[in-house]
Amino acid sequence: MKEVKIESTLFVFESLKETPEAIQKLMHKAIEARDNAYAPYSRFHVGTALLLDNGEIISGSNQENASYPSGLCAERTAIFYAGAKYPKAKVLKMAISAASQNQKTDKPIPPCGACRQSIAEYEIKQEKPIEIYFMGETGSVMKSSSLANLLPFSFDASNL
């Protein structure tokens, strides 16, 4: 047997104010999107904003359904819309903010597994990493320089 060690490097900003101004603006777009989430069941609101290489900012929020699998997370709402509207554009940066109506969210909340897989598909497709910034409602902000830090063994077309 052989041991394999996997390491990821992420960066932590103590608050949104410590991030670059462009990231603050992108995160505020994610917060606006979060405020438009439709989450009557989980009461967990997520917003995402993407900066594309054409200068466009695309946002999305989670949209729930009483039949849970029929809903869609904010990250996938935004990235699928960007792919549909601007199929040749590359996603440069992604900002994610999450807030719960049930408890305080003051720690960074990363994308769920299904969203990580979807983001990985776009990173592979565009052959360029996506910077991902994520936070709760308040508190610190984490930055990953690539989805590969969050999903080191992604499933892709080479597995088919």
N, C-alpha and C. Protein backbone atom coordinates (compact mmCIF):
# COMPACT_ATOMS: atom_id res chain seq x y z
N MET A 1 0.84 -1.17 0.00
CA MET A 1 0.00 0.00 0.00
C MET A 1 0.89 1.24 0.00
N LYS A 2 0.43 2.25 -0.69
CA LYS A 2 1.14 3.51 -0.81
C LYS A 2 0.24 4.63 -0.29
N GLU A 3 0.80 5.51 0.50
CA GLU A 3 0.05 6.64 1.01
C GLU A 3 0.17 7.81 0.05
N VAL A 4 -0.94 8.48 -0.20
CA VAL A 4 -0.97 9.67 -1.05
C VAL A 4 -1.45 10.83 -0.19
N LYS A 5 -0.67 11.88 -0.15
CA LYS A 5 -1.04 13.05 0.64
C LYS A 5 -1.51 14.14 -0.31
N ILE A 6 -2.65 14.73 0.00
CA ILE A 6 -3.21 15.80 -0.82
C ILE A 6 -3.22 17.07 0.02
N GLU A 7 -2.73 18.14 -0.55
CA GLU A 7 -2.73 19.42 0.15
C GLU A 7 -3.44 20.47 -0.69
N SER A 8 -4.13 21.34 -0.02
CA SER A 8 -4.78 22.48 -0.67
C SER A 8 -4.32 23.74 0.02
N THR A 9 -4.18 24.78 -0.76
CA THR A 9 -3.80 26.07 -0.21
C THR A 9 -4.95 27.04 -0.44
N LEU A 10 -5.44 27.60 0.64
CA LEU A 10 -6.47 28.63 0.58
C LEU A 10 -5.97 29.85 1.34
N PHE A 11 -6.53 30.98 1.04
CA PHE A 11 -6.14 32.22 1.68
C PHE A 11 -7.33 32.75 2.46
N VAL A 12 -7.07 33.30 3.65
CA VAL A 12 -8.14 33.80 4.51
C VAL A 12 -7.97 35.29 4.73
N PHE A 13 -9.01 36.03 4.41
CA PHE A 13 -9.09 37.46 4.72
C PHE A 13 -9.97 37.56 5.97
N GLU A 14 -9.55 38.33 6.94
CA GLU A 14 -10.30 38.43 8.20
C GLU A 14 -11.69 39.03 8.01
N SER A 15 -11.85 39.85 7.00
CA SER A 15 -13.17 40.43 6.71
C SER A 15 -13.22 40.80 5.23
N LEU A 16 -14.40 41.09 4.75
CA LEU A 16 -14.57 41.49 3.36
C LEU A 16 -13.79 42.75 3.05
N LYS A 17 -13.66 43.64 4.03
CA LYS A 17 -12.93 44.90 3.82
C LYS A 17 -11.46 44.68 3.50
N GLU A 18 -10.91 43.52 3.88
CA GLU A 18 -9.50 43.22 3.59
C GLU A 18 -9.27 42.72 2.17
N THR A 19 -10.33 42.35 1.48
CA THR A 19 -10.19 41.84 0.11
C THR A 19 -9.98 43.01 -0.85
N PRO A 20 -9.44 42.76 -2.03
CA PRO A 20 -9.30 43.83 -3.03
C PRO A 20 -10.66 44.46 -3.35
N GLU A 21 -10.65 45.70 -3.74
CA GLU A 21 -11.89 46.44 -4.01
C GLU A 21 -12.76 45.72 -5.05
N ALA A 22 -12.16 45.17 -6.08
CA ALA A 22 -12.93 44.47 -7.11
C ALA A 22 -13.65 43.26 -6.53
N ILE A 23 -13.04 42.60 -5.57
CA ILE A 23 -13.67 41.44 -4.93
C ILE A 23 -14.80 41.90 -4.02
N GLN A 24 -14.60 43.01 -3.33
CA GLN A 24 -15.67 43.55 -2.49
C GLN A 24 -16.91 43.85 -3.33
N LYS A 25 -16.71 44.45 -4.50
CA LYS A 25 -17.84 44.76 -5.38
C LYS A 25 -18.51 43.49 -5.87
N LEU A 26 -17.72 42.49 -6.24
CA LEU A 26 -18.28 41.22 -6.70
C LEU A 26 -19.04 40.53 -5.56
N MET A 27 -18.49 40.56 -4.36
CA MET A 27 -19.16 39.94 -3.22
C MET A 27 -20.46 40.66 -2.89
N HIS A 28 -20.48 41.98 -3.05
CA HIS A 28 -21.73 42.71 -2.80
C HIS A 28 -22.81 42.30 -3.80
N LYS A 29 -22.41 41.98 -5.03
CA LYS A 29 -23.36 41.45 -6.01
C LYS A 29 -23.86 40.08 -5.56
N ALA A 30 -22.98 39.27 -5.00
CA ALA A 30 -23.38 37.96 -4.47
C ALA A 30 -24.35 38.14 -3.30
N ILE A 31 -24.10 39.12 -2.45
CA ILE A 31 -24.98 39.38 -1.31
C ILE A 31 -26.35 39.84 -1.80
N GLU A 32 -26.38 40.70 -2.83
CA GLU A 32 -27.65 41.12 -3.42
C GLU A 32 -28.41 39.90 -3.94
N ALA A 33 -27.71 39.01 -4.63
CA ALA A 33 -28.34 37.80 -5.15
C ALA A 33 -28.84 36.93 -3.99
N ARG A 34 -28.03 36.83 -2.93
CA ARG A 34 -28.44 36.04 -1.75
C ARG A 34 -29.76 36.55 -1.19
N ASP A 35 -29.91 37.87 -1.19
CA ASP A 35 -31.13 38.46 -0.66
C ASP A 35 -32.36 38.13 -1.51
N ASN A 36 -32.14 37.66 -2.74
CA ASN A 36 -33.23 37.27 -3.64
C ASN A 36 -33.46 35.76 -3.69
N ALA A 37 -32.76 35.03 -2.84
CA ALA A 37 -32.91 33.57 -2.84
C ALA A 37 -34.35 33.18 -2.48
N TYR A 38 -34.77 32.06 -3.03
CA TYR A 38 -36.07 31.49 -2.69
C TYR A 38 -35.78 30.22 -1.90
N ALA A 39 -35.84 30.33 -0.58
CA ALA A 39 -35.47 29.21 0.29
C ALA A 39 -36.44 29.06 1.45
N PRO A 40 -37.72 28.84 1.16
CA PRO A 40 -38.70 28.75 2.24
C PRO A 40 -38.59 27.47 3.08
N TYR A 41 -37.88 26.46 2.59
CA TYR A 41 -37.80 25.18 3.30
C TYR A 41 -36.56 25.11 4.18
N SER A 42 -35.42 25.39 3.62
CA SER A 42 -34.18 25.32 4.40
C SER A 42 -33.92 26.62 5.16
N ARG A 43 -34.46 27.71 4.66
CA ARG A 43 -34.21 29.05 5.22
C ARG A 43 -32.71 29.38 5.15
N PHE A 44 -32.03 28.77 4.19
CA PHE A 44 -30.60 28.95 3.97
C PHE A 44 -30.43 29.64 2.60
N HIS A 45 -30.03 30.90 2.64
CA HIS A 45 -29.97 31.73 1.44
C HIS A 45 -28.53 31.85 0.95
N VAL A 46 -28.34 31.58 -0.34
CA VAL A 46 -27.02 31.65 -0.94
C VAL A 46 -27.08 32.51 -2.19
N GLY A 47 -26.06 33.35 -2.37
CA GLY A 47 -25.95 34.16 -3.57
C GLY A 47 -24.56 34.01 -4.15
N THR A 48 -24.49 34.05 -5.47
CA THR A 48 -23.22 33.92 -6.18
C THR A 48 -23.14 35.00 -7.24
N ALA A 49 -21.94 35.52 -7.45
CA ALA A 49 -21.69 36.46 -8.54
C ALA A 49 -20.42 36.00 -9.26
N LEU A 50 -20.48 36.01 -10.58
CA LEU A 50 -19.35 35.61 -11.42
C LEU A 50 -18.85 36.81 -12.21
N LEU A 51 -17.54 36.94 -12.30
CA LEU A 51 -16.94 37.92 -13.19
C LEU A 51 -16.43 37.16 -14.41
N LEU A 52 -16.94 37.52 -15.59
CA LEU A 52 -16.53 36.88 -16.82
C LEU A 52 -15.43 37.68 -17.51
N ASP A 53 -14.70 37.04 -18.40
CA ASP A 53 -13.60 37.73 -19.09
C ASP A 53 -14.09 38.80 -20.07
N ASN A 54 -15.39 38.84 -20.35
CA ASN A 54 -15.95 39.89 -21.20
C ASN A 54 -16.43 41.09 -20.38
N GLY A 55 -16.17 41.06 -19.06
CA GLY A 55 -16.54 42.15 -18.17
C GLY A 55 -17.93 42.01 -17.56
N GLU A 56 -18.70 41.07 -18.03
CA GLU A 56 -20.06 40.87 -17.50
C GLU A 56 -19.99 40.26 -16.10
N ILE A 57 -20.95 40.65 -15.28
CA ILE A 57 -21.13 40.02 -13.97
C ILE A 57 -22.47 39.30 -14.00
N ILE A 58 -22.45 38.03 -13.71
CA ILE A 58 -23.64 37.19 -13.68
C ILE A 58 -23.88 36.77 -12.24
N SER A 59 -25.11 36.88 -11.78
CA SER A 59 -25.39 36.45 -10.41
C SER A 59 -26.50 35.40 -10.41
N GLY A 60 -26.56 34.69 -9.31
CA GLY A 60 -27.59 33.68 -9.13
C GLY A 60 -27.82 33.43 -7.66
N SER A 61 -29.00 32.94 -7.34
CA SER A 61 -29.33 32.61 -5.96
C SER A 61 -29.95 31.22 -5.93
N ASN A 62 -29.94 30.60 -4.75
CA ASN A 62 -30.54 29.27 -4.66
C ASN A 62 -32.06 29.38 -4.81
N GLN A 63 -32.62 28.40 -5.48
CA GLN A 63 -34.05 28.35 -5.77
C GLN A 63 -34.55 26.98 -5.33
N GLU A 64 -35.30 26.94 -4.25
CA GLU A 64 -35.77 25.68 -3.69
C GLU A 64 -37.11 25.27 -4.26
N ASN A 65 -37.46 24.03 -3.99
CA ASN A 65 -38.72 23.47 -4.42
C ASN A 65 -39.15 22.47 -3.34
N ALA A 66 -40.43 22.32 -3.13
CA ALA A 66 -40.91 21.36 -2.13
C ALA A 66 -40.38 19.96 -2.42
N SER A 67 -40.14 19.67 -3.68
CA SER A 67 -39.48 18.43 -4.08
C SER A 67 -37.99 18.76 -4.16
N TYR A 68 -37.28 18.58 -3.03
CA TYR A 68 -35.90 19.07 -2.89
C TYR A 68 -34.99 18.86 -4.10
N PRO A 69 -34.94 17.71 -4.72
CA PRO A 69 -33.98 17.57 -5.83
C PRO A 69 -34.29 18.49 -7.02
N SER A 70 -35.49 19.07 -7.03
CA SER A 70 -35.86 19.93 -8.16
C SER A 70 -35.32 21.35 -8.03
N GLY A 71 -34.81 21.73 -6.88
CA GLY A 71 -34.25 23.06 -6.70
C GLY A 71 -32.85 23.15 -7.30
N LEU A 72 -32.26 24.32 -7.20
CA LEU A 72 -30.92 24.52 -7.74
C LEU A 72 -30.14 25.49 -6.86
N CYS A 73 -28.89 25.16 -6.62
CA CYS A 73 -28.00 26.00 -5.81
C CYS A 73 -27.63 27.28 -6.55
N ALA A 74 -27.21 28.28 -5.80
CA ALA A 74 -26.84 29.58 -6.37
C ALA A 74 -25.67 29.47 -7.35
N GLU A 75 -24.66 28.67 -6.98
CA GLU A 75 -23.47 28.56 -7.82
C GLU A 75 -23.81 27.98 -9.19
N ARG A 76 -24.63 26.93 -9.20
CA ARG A 76 -25.02 26.32 -10.47
C ARG A 76 -25.99 27.20 -11.24
N THR A 77 -26.88 27.89 -10.55
CA THR A 77 -27.78 28.83 -11.22
C THR A 77 -26.95 29.86 -12.01
N ALA A 78 -25.94 30.42 -11.36
CA ALA A 78 -25.12 31.45 -12.00
C ALA A 78 -24.24 30.89 -13.11
N ILE A 79 -23.55 29.79 -12.85
CA ILE A 79 -22.59 29.29 -13.84
C ILE A 79 -23.31 28.70 -15.05
N PHE A 80 -24.47 28.08 -14.86
CA PHE A 80 -25.23 27.56 -16.01
C PHE A 80 -25.79 28.71 -16.84
N TYR A 81 -26.25 29.76 -16.17
CA TYR A 81 -26.75 30.92 -16.91
C TYR A 81 -25.62 31.57 -17.71
N ALA A 82 -24.46 31.71 -17.09
CA ALA A 82 -23.30 32.29 -17.80
C ALA A 82 -22.95 31.44 -19.01
N GLY A 83 -22.97 30.11 -18.85
CA GLY A 83 -22.66 29.22 -19.95
C GLY A 83 -23.69 29.30 -21.07
N ALA A 84 -24.95 29.52 -20.71
CA ALA A 84 -26.01 29.62 -21.71
C ALA A 84 -26.00 30.97 -22.42
N LYS A 85 -25.77 32.03 -21.68
CA LYS A 85 -25.83 33.39 -22.26
C LYS A 85 -24.52 33.78 -22.94
N TYR A 86 -23.39 33.38 -22.37
CA TYR A 86 -22.07 33.75 -22.91
C TYR A 86 -21.23 32.47 -23.05
N PRO A 87 -21.55 31.60 -23.98
CA PRO A 87 -20.89 30.29 -24.06
C PRO A 87 -19.39 30.35 -24.33
N LYS A 88 -18.89 31.43 -24.89
CA LYS A 88 -17.45 31.52 -25.18
C LYS A 88 -16.68 32.28 -24.08
N ALA A 89 -17.40 32.89 -23.16
CA ALA A 89 -16.75 33.65 -22.08
C ALA A 89 -16.16 32.72 -21.03
N LYS A 90 -15.08 33.17 -20.42
CA LYS A 90 -14.45 32.42 -19.33
C LYS A 90 -14.84 33.06 -18.00
N VAL A 91 -15.02 32.21 -17.01
CA VAL A 91 -15.31 32.69 -15.67
C VAL A 91 -13.97 32.95 -14.99
N LEU A 92 -13.75 34.19 -14.60
CA LEU A 92 -12.49 34.56 -13.94
C LEU A 92 -12.57 34.41 -12.43
N LYS A 93 -13.67 34.93 -11.86
CA LYS A 93 -13.81 34.95 -10.40
C LYS A 93 -15.24 34.62 -10.02
N MET A 94 -15.37 33.99 -8.87
CA MET A 94 -16.68 33.64 -8.33
C MET A 94 -16.71 34.09 -6.87
N ALA A 95 -17.79 34.78 -6.49
CA ALA A 95 -17.99 35.19 -5.10
C ALA A 95 -19.26 34.53 -4.59
N ILE A 96 -19.21 33.98 -3.38
CA ILE A 96 -20.34 33.26 -2.80
C ILE A 96 -20.57 33.77 -1.37
N SER A 97 -21.82 34.05 -1.05
CA SER A 97 -22.17 34.44 0.31
C SER A 97 -23.41 33.65 0.73
N ALA A 98 -23.39 33.13 1.95
CA ALA A 98 -24.51 32.34 2.46
C ALA A 98 -24.96 32.86 3.82
N ALA A 99 -26.26 32.84 4.05
CA ALA A 99 -26.82 33.27 5.32
C ALA A 99 -28.00 32.37 5.68
N SER A 100 -28.10 32.04 6.93
CA SER A 100 -29.19 31.19 7.41
C SER A 100 -30.15 32.03 8.25
N GLN A 101 -31.42 31.77 8.09
CA GLN A 101 -32.40 32.41 8.96
C GLN A 101 -32.56 31.64 10.26
N ASN A 102 -31.87 30.50 10.37
CA ASN A 102 -31.95 29.66 11.56
C ASN A 102 -30.81 29.89 12.54
N GLN A 103 -29.68 30.36 12.04
CA GLN A 103 -28.50 30.56 12.89
C GLN A 103 -27.56 31.57 12.24
N LYS A 104 -26.62 32.05 13.01
CA LYS A 104 -25.64 33.01 12.51
C LYS A 104 -24.62 32.27 11.63
N THR A 105 -24.32 32.82 10.46
CA THR A 105 -23.31 32.23 9.57
C THR A 105 -22.14 33.21 9.49
N ASP A 106 -21.16 33.01 10.37
CA ASP A 106 -20.02 33.91 10.43
C ASP A 106 -18.71 33.24 10.02
N LYS A 107 -18.82 32.06 9.40
CA LYS A 107 -17.64 31.35 8.89
C LYS A 107 -17.83 31.16 7.40
N PRO A 108 -16.74 31.07 6.64
CA PRO A 108 -16.86 30.85 5.20
C PRO A 108 -17.59 29.55 4.89
N ILE A 109 -18.53 29.63 3.96
CA ILE A 109 -19.32 28.47 3.56
C ILE A 109 -18.99 28.17 2.10
N PRO A 110 -18.32 27.04 1.86
CA PRO A 110 -17.90 26.69 0.50
C PRO A 110 -19.05 26.10 -0.32
N PRO A 111 -18.84 25.94 -1.62
CA PRO A 111 -19.86 25.30 -2.46
C PRO A 111 -20.07 23.84 -2.05
N CYS A 112 -21.28 23.34 -2.24
CA CYS A 112 -21.57 21.94 -1.96
C CYS A 112 -20.88 21.06 -3.01
N GLY A 113 -20.94 19.76 -2.82
CA GLY A 113 -20.27 18.83 -3.72
C GLY A 113 -20.78 18.90 -5.15
N ALA A 114 -22.11 18.98 -5.33
CA ALA A 114 -22.66 19.06 -6.69
C ALA A 114 -22.20 20.34 -7.39
N CYS A 115 -22.14 21.43 -6.66
CA CYS A 115 -21.67 22.69 -7.25
C CYS A 115 -20.18 22.62 -7.58
N ARG A 116 -19.40 21.98 -6.71
CA ARG A 116 -17.97 21.82 -6.98
C ARG A 116 -17.77 21.06 -8.28
N GLN A 117 -18.54 20.00 -8.48
CA GLN A 117 -18.42 19.22 -9.71
C GLN A 117 -18.78 20.07 -10.93
N SER A 118 -19.83 20.87 -10.82
CA SER A 118 -20.23 21.72 -11.94
C SER A 118 -19.20 22.80 -12.23
N ILE A 119 -18.65 23.40 -11.19
CA ILE A 119 -17.62 24.42 -11.37
C ILE A 119 -16.39 23.79 -12.01
N ALA A 120 -16.05 22.57 -11.57
CA ALA A 120 -14.90 21.85 -12.15
C ALA A 120 -15.07 21.68 -13.65
N GLU A 121 -16.28 21.36 -14.08
CA GLU A 121 -16.54 21.17 -15.51
C GLU A 121 -16.21 22.44 -16.30
N TYR A 122 -16.60 23.59 -15.75
CA TYR A 122 -16.32 24.86 -16.44
C TYR A 122 -14.83 25.20 -16.40
N GLU A 123 -14.18 24.90 -15.30
CA GLU A 123 -12.74 25.15 -15.21
C GLU A 123 -11.99 24.30 -16.24
N ILE A 124 -12.39 23.06 -16.39
CA ILE A 124 -11.76 22.17 -17.38
C ILE A 124 -12.08 22.66 -18.79
N LYS A 125 -13.34 23.00 -19.04
CA LYS A 125 -13.78 23.48 -20.36
C LYS A 125 -13.00 24.71 -20.80
N GLN A 126 -12.81 25.65 -19.88
CA GLN A 126 -12.15 26.91 -20.26
C GLN A 126 -10.64 26.86 -20.14
N GLU A 127 -10.12 25.74 -19.61
CA GLU A 127 -8.68 25.55 -19.45
C GLU A 127 -8.02 26.70 -18.70
N LYS A 128 -8.74 27.17 -17.68
CA LYS A 128 -8.24 28.28 -16.87
C LYS A 128 -8.90 28.18 -15.50
N PRO A 129 -8.12 28.31 -14.43
CA PRO A 129 -8.73 28.22 -13.09
C PRO A 129 -9.68 29.37 -12.80
N ILE A 130 -10.60 29.11 -11.91
CA ILE A 130 -11.56 30.11 -11.45
C ILE A 130 -11.21 30.44 -10.00
N GLU A 131 -10.97 31.71 -9.72
CA GLU A 131 -10.75 32.14 -8.33
C GLU A 131 -12.10 32.12 -7.63
N ILE A 132 -12.16 31.49 -6.47
CA ILE A 132 -13.41 31.37 -5.74
C ILE A 132 -13.25 32.01 -4.36
N TYR A 133 -14.11 32.97 -4.07
CA TYR A 133 -14.14 33.65 -2.77
C TYR A 133 -15.45 33.27 -2.11
N PHE A 134 -15.40 32.84 -0.85
CA PHE A 134 -16.63 32.46 -0.17
C PHE A 134 -16.64 32.90 1.27
N MET A 135 -17.85 33.23 1.74
CA MET A 135 -18.03 33.71 3.10
C MET A 135 -19.43 33.35 3.58
N GLY A 136 -19.64 33.53 4.88
CA GLY A 136 -20.98 33.42 5.43
C GLY A 136 -21.65 34.77 5.27
N GLU A 137 -22.51 35.09 6.20
CA GLU A 137 -23.18 36.40 6.16
C GLU A 137 -22.20 37.49 6.61
N THR A 138 -21.35 37.13 7.57
CA THR A 138 -20.33 38.05 8.08
C THR A 138 -19.05 37.25 8.30
N GLY A 139 -18.03 37.93 8.78
CA GLY A 139 -16.80 37.24 9.15
C GLY A 139 -15.79 37.16 8.04
N SER A 140 -14.94 36.15 8.14
CA SER A 140 -13.81 36.04 7.22
C SER A 140 -14.25 35.56 5.83
N VAL A 141 -13.36 35.80 4.88
CA VAL A 141 -13.57 35.40 3.49
C VAL A 141 -12.42 34.47 3.11
N MET A 142 -12.75 33.34 2.51
CA MET A 142 -11.71 32.43 2.02
C MET A 142 -11.58 32.58 0.52
N LYS A 143 -10.35 32.40 0.06
CA LYS A 143 -10.07 32.45 -1.38
C LYS A 143 -9.37 31.17 -1.78
N SER A 144 -9.89 30.55 -2.83
CA SER A 144 -9.23 29.42 -3.46
C SER A 144 -8.85 29.86 -4.86
N SER A 145 -7.61 29.63 -5.25
CA SER A 145 -7.15 30.06 -6.57
C SER A 145 -7.68 29.18 -7.69
N SER A 146 -8.27 28.05 -7.33
CA SER A 146 -8.80 27.13 -8.31
C SER A 146 -9.77 26.18 -7.62
N LEU A 147 -10.75 25.71 -8.37
CA LEU A 147 -11.65 24.71 -7.83
C LEU A 147 -10.90 23.44 -7.43
N ALA A 148 -9.78 23.18 -8.08
CA ALA A 148 -8.98 21.99 -7.78
C ALA A 148 -8.58 21.92 -6.31
N ASN A 149 -8.47 23.05 -5.63
CA ASN A 149 -8.18 23.06 -4.19
C ASN A 149 -9.35 22.51 -3.38
N LEU A 150 -10.56 22.69 -3.88
CA LEU A 150 -11.75 22.27 -3.16
C LEU A 150 -12.24 20.88 -3.56
N LEU A 151 -11.79 20.42 -4.74
CA LEU A 151 -12.20 19.12 -5.25
C LEU A 151 -11.01 18.49 -5.98
N PRO A 152 -10.04 17.98 -5.21
CA PRO A 152 -8.80 17.51 -5.82
C PRO A 152 -8.95 16.30 -6.75
N PHE A 153 -9.90 15.43 -6.51
CA PHE A 153 -10.11 14.27 -7.39
C PHE A 153 -11.45 14.43 -8.11
N SER A 154 -11.49 15.37 -9.03
CA SER A 154 -12.76 15.60 -9.73
C SER A 154 -13.00 14.53 -10.79
N PHE A 155 -14.24 14.31 -11.05
CA PHE A 155 -14.66 13.38 -12.10
C PHE A 155 -14.81 14.20 -13.38
N ASP A 156 -14.14 13.79 -14.44
CA ASP A 156 -14.22 14.53 -15.70
C ASP A 156 -14.31 13.59 -16.88
N ALA A 157 -14.31 14.15 -18.07
CA ALA A 157 -14.48 13.36 -19.30
C ALA A 157 -13.43 12.27 -19.46
N SER A 158 -12.26 12.46 -18.88
CA SER A 158 -11.21 11.44 -19.01
C SER A 158 -11.59 10.15 -18.28
N ASN A 159 -12.58 10.23 -17.37
CA ASN A 159 -13.04 9.04 -16.65
C ASN A 159 -14.06 8.23 -17.45
N LEU A 160 -14.58 8.80 -18.51
CA LEU A 160 -15.65 8.13 -19.27
C LEU A 160 -15.11 7.15 -20.28
